[in-house]
PDB file of N, CA and C in Angstrom:
ATOM      1  N   MET A   1      35.716 -72.859 -63.040  1.00  0.00           N
ATOM      2  CA  MET A   1      34.601 -73.467 -63.742  1.00  0.00           C
ATOM      3  C   MET A   1      33.345 -73.451 -62.877  1.00  0.00           C
ATOM      4  N   LYS A   2      33.499 -73.730 -61.576  1.00  0.00           N
ATOM      5  CA  LYS A   2      32.359 -73.721 -60.670  1.00  0.00           C
ATOM      6  C   LYS A   2      31.764 -72.321 -60.573  1.00  0.00           C
ATOM      7  N   LYS A   3      32.636 -71.304 -60.590  1.00  0.00           N
ATOM      8  CA  LYS A   3      32.141 -69.928 -60.522  1.00  0.00           C
ATOM      9  C   LYS A   3      31.318 -69.596 -61.765  1.00  0.00           C
ATOM     10  N   LEU A   4      31.780 -70.078 -62.915  1.00  0.00           N
ATOM     11  CA  LEU A   4      31.068 -69.822 -64.164  1.00  0.00           C
ATOM     12  C   LEU A   4      29.694 -70.488 -64.144  1.00  0.00           C
ATOM     13  N   LEU A   5      29.640 -71.738 -63.696  1.00  0.00           N
ATOM     14  CA  LEU A   5      28.358 -72.434 -63.609  1.00  0.00           C
ATOM     15  C   LEU A   5      27.425 -71.749 -62.605  1.00  0.00           C
ATOM     16  N   GLY A   6      27.987 -71.303 -61.496  1.00  0.00           N
ATOM     17  CA  GLY A   6      27.187 -70.588 -60.502  1.00  0.00           C
ATOM     18  C   GLY A   6      26.646 -69.285 -61.063  1.00  0.00           C
ATOM     19  N   LEU A   7      27.489 -68.575 -61.803  1.00  0.00           N
ATOM     20  CA  LEU A   7      27.073 -67.319 -62.415  1.00  0.00           C
ATOM     21  C   LEU A   7      25.967 -67.556 -63.438  1.00  0.00           C
ATOM     22  N   LEU A   8      26.115 -68.608 -64.246  1.00  0.00           N
ATOM     23  CA  LEU A   8      25.084 -68.938 -65.228  1.00  0.00           C
ATOM     24  C   LEU A   8      23.774 -69.323 -64.542  1.00  0.00           C
ATOM     25  N   ALA A   9      23.869 -70.045 -63.446  1.00  0.00           N
ATOM     26  CA  ALA A   9      22.665 -70.449 -62.720  1.00  0.00           C
ATOM     27  C   ALA A   9      21.941 -69.227 -62.154  1.00  0.00           C
ATOM     28  N   VAL A  10      22.707 -68.320 -61.555  1.00  0.00           N
ATOM     29  CA  VAL A  10      22.107 -67.107 -60.998  1.00  0.00           C
ATOM     30  C   VAL A  10      21.499 -66.261 -62.104  1.00  0.00           C
ATOM     31  N   THR A  11      22.204 -66.140 -63.229  1.00  0.00           N
ATOM     32  CA  THR A  11      21.691 -65.372 -64.363  1.00  0.00           C
ATOM     33  C   THR A  11      20.384 -65.976 -64.869  1.00  0.00           C
ATOM     34  N   GLY A  12      20.342 -67.285 -64.966  1.00  0.00           N
ATOM     35  CA  GLY A  12      19.123 -67.958 -65.412  1.00  0.00           C
ATOM     36  C   GLY A  12      17.963 -67.718 -64.464  1.00  0.00           C
ATOM     37  N   MET A  13      18.238 -67.764 -63.160  1.00  0.00           N
ATOM     38  CA  MET A  13      17.174 -67.521 -62.185  1.00  0.00           C
ATOM     39  C   MET A  13      16.688 -66.077 -62.251  1.00  0.00           C
ATOM     40  N   LEU A  14      17.613 -65.131 -62.423  1.00  0.00           N
ATOM     41  CA  LEU A  14      17.210 -63.729 -62.547  1.00  0.00           C
ATOM     42  C   LEU A  14      16.373 -63.513 -63.804  1.00  0.00           C
ATOM     43  N   PHE A  15      16.770 -64.146 -64.893  1.00  0.00           N
ATOM     44  CA  PHE A  15      16.019 -64.023 -66.142  1.00  0.00           C
ATOM     45  C   PHE A  15      14.614 -64.589 -65.981  1.00  0.00           C
ATOM     46  N   THR A  16      14.525 -65.736 -65.339  1.00  0.00           N
ATOM     47  CA  THR A  16      13.222 -66.359 -65.100  1.00  0.00           C
ATOM     48  C   THR A  16      12.357 -65.479 -64.210  1.00  0.00           C
ATOM     49  N   ALA A  17      12.955 -64.914 -63.180  1.00  0.00           N
ATOM     50  CA  ALA A  17      12.205 -64.036 -62.282  1.00  0.00           C
ATOM     51  C   ALA A  17      11.724 -62.793 -63.018  1.00  0.00           C
ATOM     52  N   ALA A  18      12.567 -62.242 -63.868  1.00  0.00           N
ATOM     53  CA  ALA A  18      12.183 -61.047 -64.623  1.00  0.00           C
ATOM     54  C   ALA A  18      11.035 -61.362 -65.573  1.00  0.00           C
ATOM     55  N   CYS A  19      11.076 -62.498 -66.200  1.00  0.00           N
ATOM     56  CA  CYS A  19       9.988 -62.882 -67.111  1.00  0.00           C
ATOM     57  C   CYS A  19       8.707 -63.122 -66.329  1.00  0.00           C
ATOM     58  N   GLY A  20       8.823 -63.719 -65.173  1.00  0.00           N
ATOM     59  CA  GLY A  20       7.654 -63.970 -64.342  1.00  0.00           C
ATOM     60  C   GLY A  20       6.994 -62.680 -63.904  1.00  0.00           C
ATOM     61  N   GLU A  21       7.791 -61.683 -63.526  1.00  0.00           N
ATOM     62  CA  GLU A  21       7.236 -60.396 -63.123  1.00  0.00           C
ATOM     63  C   GLU A  21       6.544 -59.722 -64.296  1.00  0.00           C
ATOM     64  N   LYS A  22       7.117 -59.864 -65.465  1.00  0.00           N
ATOM     65  CA  LYS A  22       6.549 -59.232 -66.651  1.00  0.00           C
ATOM     66  C   LYS A  22       5.170 -59.818 -66.939  1.00  0.00           C
ATOM     67  N   GLU A  23       5.028 -61.112 -66.858  1.00  0.00           N
ATOM     68  CA  GLU A  23       3.746 -61.755 -67.111  1.00  0.00           C
ATOM     69  C   GLU A  23       2.720 -61.313 -66.078  1.00  0.00           C
ATOM     70  N   ALA A  24       3.148 -61.181 -64.831  1.00  0.00           N
ATOM     71  CA  ALA A  24       2.228 -60.760 -63.782  1.00  0.00           C
ATOM     72  C   ALA A  24       1.731 -59.346 -64.048  1.00  0.00           C
ATOM     73  N   SER A  25       2.627 -58.471 -64.476  1.00  0.00           N
ATOM     74  CA  SER A  25       2.194 -57.100 -64.749  1.00  0.00           C
ATOM     75  C   SER A  25       1.268 -57.064 -65.959  1.00  0.00           C
ATOM     76  N   GLU A  26       1.517 -57.923 -66.941  1.00  0.00           N
ATOM     77  CA  GLU A  26       0.630 -57.986 -68.098  1.00  0.00           C
ATOM     78  C   GLU A  26      -0.746 -58.489 -67.684  1.00  0.00           C
ATOM     79  N   GLU A  27      -0.784 -59.474 -66.782  1.00  0.00           N
ATOM     80  CA  GLU A  27      -2.064 -59.982 -66.295  1.00  0.00           C
ATOM     81  C   GLU A  27      -2.807 -58.892 -65.538  1.00  0.00           C
ATOM     82  N   THR A  28      -2.069 -58.103 -64.759  1.00  0.00           N
ATOM     83  CA  THR A  28      -2.690 -57.007 -64.020  1.00  0.00           C
ATOM     84  C   THR A  28      -3.274 -55.993 -64.980  1.00  0.00           C
ATOM     85  N   GLU A  29      -2.538 -55.658 -66.040  1.00  0.00           N
ATOM     86  CA  GLU A  29      -3.031 -54.713 -67.033  1.00  0.00           C
ATOM     87  C   GLU A  29      -4.300 -55.249 -67.701  1.00  0.00           C
ATOM     88  N   ILE A  30      -4.307 -56.532 -67.999  1.00  0.00           N
ATOM     89  CA  ILE A  30      -5.482 -57.143 -68.628  1.00  0.00           C
ATOM     90  C   ILE A  30      -6.675 -57.080 -67.682  1.00  0.00           C
ATOM     91  N   GLU A  31      -6.438 -57.361 -66.385  1.00  0.00           N
ATOM     92  CA  GLU A  31      -7.527 -57.300 -65.415  1.00  0.00           C
ATOM     93  C   GLU A  31      -8.099 -55.889 -65.325  1.00  0.00           C
ATOM     94  N   VAL A  32      -7.225 -54.881 -65.361  1.00  0.00           N
ATOM     95  CA  VAL A  32      -7.681 -53.487 -65.304  1.00  0.00           C
ATOM     96  C   VAL A  32      -8.512 -53.159 -66.537  1.00  0.00           C
ATOM     97  N   ILE A  33      -8.056 -53.610 -67.689  1.00  0.00           N
ATOM     98  CA  ILE A  33      -8.796 -53.361 -68.931  1.00  0.00           C
ATOM     99  C   ILE A  33     -10.169 -54.020 -68.870  1.00  0.00           C
ATOM    100  N   ILE A  34     -10.223 -55.250 -68.377  1.00  0.00           N
ATOM    101  CA  ILE A  34     -11.501 -55.965 -68.270  1.00  0.00           C
ATOM    102  C   ILE A  34     -12.443 -55.228 -67.320  1.00  0.00           C
ATOM    103  N   GLU A  35     -11.912 -54.766 -66.175  1.00  0.00           N
ATOM    104  CA  GLU A  35     -12.749 -54.033 -65.227  1.00  0.00           C
ATOM    105  C   GLU A  35     -13.285 -52.751 -65.851  1.00  0.00           C
ATOM    106  N   ASP A  36     -12.425 -52.034 -66.586  1.00  0.00           N
ATOM    107  CA  ASP A  36     -12.866 -50.805 -67.254  1.00  0.00           C
ATOM    108  C   ASP A  36     -13.963 -51.098 -68.270  1.00  0.00           C
ATOM    109  N   MET A  37     -13.796 -52.188 -69.010  1.00  0.00           N
ATOM    110  CA  MET A  37     -14.807 -52.548 -70.004  1.00  0.00           C
ATOM    111  C   MET A  37     -16.125 -52.912 -69.334  1.00  0.00           C
ATOM    112  N   GLU A  38     -16.061 -53.631 -68.213  1.00  0.00           N
ATOM    113  CA  GLU A  38     -17.279 -54.000 -67.490  1.00  0.00           C
ATOM    114  C   GLU A  38     -18.005 -52.754 -66.986  1.00  0.00           C
ATOM    115  N   GLU A  39     -17.237 -51.792 -66.448  1.00  0.00           N
ATOM    116  CA  GLU A  39     -17.844 -50.555 -65.962  1.00  0.00           C
ATOM    117  C   GLU A  39     -18.496 -49.789 -67.104  1.00  0.00           C
ATOM    118  N   ALA A  40     -17.805 -49.712 -68.232  1.00  0.00           N
ATOM    119  CA  ALA A  40     -18.354 -49.003 -69.390  1.00  0.00           C
ATOM    120  C   ALA A  40     -19.626 -49.684 -69.881  1.00  0.00           C
ATOM    121  N   ALA A  41     -19.626 -51.011 -69.900  1.00  0.00           N
ATOM    122  CA  ALA A  41     -20.809 -51.752 -70.345  1.00  0.00           C
ATOM    123  C   ALA A  41     -21.983 -51.501 -69.402  1.00  0.00           C
ATOM    124  N   GLU A  42     -21.714 -51.487 -68.098  1.00  0.00           N
ATOM    125  CA  GLU A  42     -22.780 -51.224 -67.133  1.00  0.00           C
ATOM    126  C   GLU A  42     -23.364 -49.829 -67.332  1.00  0.00           C
ATOM    127  N   GLU A  43     -22.494 -48.842 -67.587  1.00  0.00           N
ATOM    128  CA  GLU A  43     -22.969 -47.477 -67.814  1.00  0.00           C
ATOM    129  C   GLU A  43     -23.846 -47.405 -69.059  1.00  0.00           C
ATOM    130  N   VAL A  44     -23.427 -48.087 -70.110  1.00  0.00           N
ATOM    131  CA  VAL A  44     -24.208 -48.083 -71.349  1.00  0.00           C
ATOM    132  C   VAL A  44     -25.568 -48.735 -71.121  1.00  0.00           C
ATOM    133  N   ILE A  45     -25.586 -49.832 -70.393  1.00  0.00           N
ATOM    134  CA  ILE A  45     -26.850 -50.522 -70.109  1.00  0.00           C
ATOM    135  C   ILE A  45     -27.775 -49.624 -69.296  1.00  0.00           C
ATOM    136  N   GLU A  46     -27.221 -48.954 -68.278  1.00  0.00           N
ATOM    137  CA  GLU A  46     -28.040 -48.057 -67.466  1.00  0.00           C
ATOM    138  C   GLU A  46     -28.612 -46.920 -68.305  1.00  0.00           C
ATOM    139  N   GLU A  47     -27.788 -46.332 -69.166  1.00  0.00           N
ATOM    140  CA  GLU A  47     -28.259 -45.250 -70.023  1.00  0.00           C
ATOM    141  C   GLU A  47     -29.340 -45.743 -70.989  1.00  0.00           C
ATOM    142  N   ALA A  48     -29.166 -46.940 -71.516  1.00  0.00           N
ATOM    143  CA  ALA A  48     -30.166 -47.500 -72.429  1.00  0.00           C
ATOM    144  C   ALA A  48     -31.486 -47.732 -71.701  1.00  0.00           C
ATOM    145  N   GLU A  49     -31.412 -48.228 -70.466  1.00  0.00           N
ATOM    146  CA  GLU A  49     -32.630 -48.449 -69.683  1.00  0.00           C
ATOM    147  C   GLU A  49     -33.348 -47.130 -69.411  1.00  0.00           C
ATOM    148  N   GLU A  50     -32.569 -46.085 -69.085  1.00  0.00           N
ATOM    149  CA  GLU A  50     -33.173 -44.772 -68.851  1.00  0.00           C
ATOM    150  C   GLU A  50     -33.848 -44.250 -70.118  1.00  0.00           C
ATOM    151  N   MET A  51     -33.189 -44.424 -71.248  1.00  0.00           N
ATOM    152  CA  MET A  51     -33.763 -43.965 -72.509  1.00  0.00           C
ATOM    153  C   MET A  51     -35.050 -44.724 -72.826  1.00  0.00           C
ATOM    154  N   MET A  52     -35.073 -46.025 -72.536  1.00  0.00           N
ATOM    155  CA  MET A  52     -36.280 -46.818 -72.787  1.00  0.00           C
ATOM    156  C   MET A  52     -37.425 -46.351 -71.894  1.00  0.00           C
ATOM    157  N   GLU A  53     -37.115 -46.062 -70.626  1.00  0.00           N
ATOM    158  CA  GLU A  53     -38.149 -45.574 -69.718  1.00  0.00           C
ATOM    159  C   GLU A  53     -38.710 -44.240 -70.203  1.00  0.00           C
ATOM    160  N   GLU A  54     -37.819 -43.347 -70.648  1.00  0.00           N
ATOM    161  CA  GLU A  54     -38.270 -42.056 -71.165  1.00  0.00           C
ATOM    162  C   GLU A  54     -39.137 -42.245 -72.412  1.00  0.00           C
ATOM    163  N   ALA A  55     -38.743 -43.167 -73.263  1.00  0.00           N
ATOM    164  CA  ALA A  55     -39.519 -43.430 -74.475  1.00  0.00           C
ATOM    165  C   ALA A  55     -40.892 -43.992 -74.120  1.00  0.00           C
ATOM    166  N   GLU A  56     -40.939 -44.897 -73.135  1.00  0.00           N
ATOM    167  CA  GLU A  56     -42.221 -45.457 -72.698  1.00  0.00           C
ATOM    168  C   GLU A  56     -43.138 -44.359 -72.172  1.00  0.00           C
ATOM    169  N   GLU A  57     -42.566 -43.450 -71.367  1.00  0.00           N
ATOM    170  CA  GLU A  57     -43.365 -42.354 -70.827  1.00  0.00           C
ATOM    171  C   GLU A  57     -43.883 -41.458 -71.947  1.00  0.00           C
ATOM    172  N   ALA A  58     -43.042 -41.179 -72.924  1.00  0.00           N
ATOM    173  CA  ALA A  58     -43.454 -40.333 -74.047  1.00  0.00           C
ATOM    174  C   ALA A  58     -44.565 -40.998 -74.845  1.00  0.00           C
ATOM    175  N   ILE A  59     -44.458 -42.301 -75.032  1.00  0.00           N
ATOM    176  CA  ILE A  59     -45.494 -43.036 -75.772  1.00  0.00           C
ATOM    177  C   ILE A  59     -46.802 -43.034 -74.990  1.00  0.00           C
ATOM    178  N   GLU A  60     -46.720 -43.267 -73.672  1.00  0.00           N
ATOM    179  CA  GLU A  60     -47.925 -43.255 -72.843  1.00  0.00           C
ATOM    180  C   GLU A  60     -48.594 -41.887 -72.885  1.00  0.00           C
ATOM    181  N   ASP A  61     -47.787 -40.826 -72.813  1.00  0.00           N
ATOM    182  CA  ASP A  61     -48.340 -39.470 -72.883  1.00  0.00           C
ATOM    183  C   ASP A  61     -49.003 -39.221 -74.232  1.00  0.00           C
ATOM    184  N   ALA A  62     -48.380 -39.706 -75.292  1.00  0.00           N
ATOM    185  CA  ALA A  62     -48.936 -39.507 -76.632  1.00  0.00           C
ATOM    186  C   ALA A  62     -50.239 -40.278 -76.800  1.00  0.00           C
ATOM    187  N   VAL A  63     -50.320 -41.464 -76.227  1.00  0.00           N
ATOM    188  CA  VAL A  63     -51.529 -42.279 -76.337  1.00  0.00           C
ATOM    189  C   VAL A  63     -52.660 -41.652 -75.530  1.00  0.00           C
ATOM    190  N   GLU A  64     -52.341 -41.132 -74.351  1.00  0.00           N
ATOM    191  CA  GLU A  64     -53.351 -40.511 -73.501  1.00  0.00           C
ATOM    192  C   GLU A  64     -53.899 -39.225 -74.119  1.00  0.00           C
ATOM    193  N   ALA A  65     -53.080 -38.539 -74.882  1.00  0.00           N
ATOM    194  CA  ALA A  65     -53.511 -37.252 -75.456  1.00  0.00           C
ATOM    195  C   ALA A  65     -54.400 -37.437 -76.612  1.00  0.00           C
TER     196      ALA A  65
END
């Protein structure tokens, strides 16, 4: 009986550890996704700023002409 209880206890601890690792890997995946989204957003903002600068220059050239 003691062996059975010990086996159940070890099984429970292994199950808990496996679930804990799974959550950690999911959190890591989420962090990677968030970082990728932040990088993509920064790139879009930079491209938009460049386009605005080009548009401003084109407008200034058109006004001067």
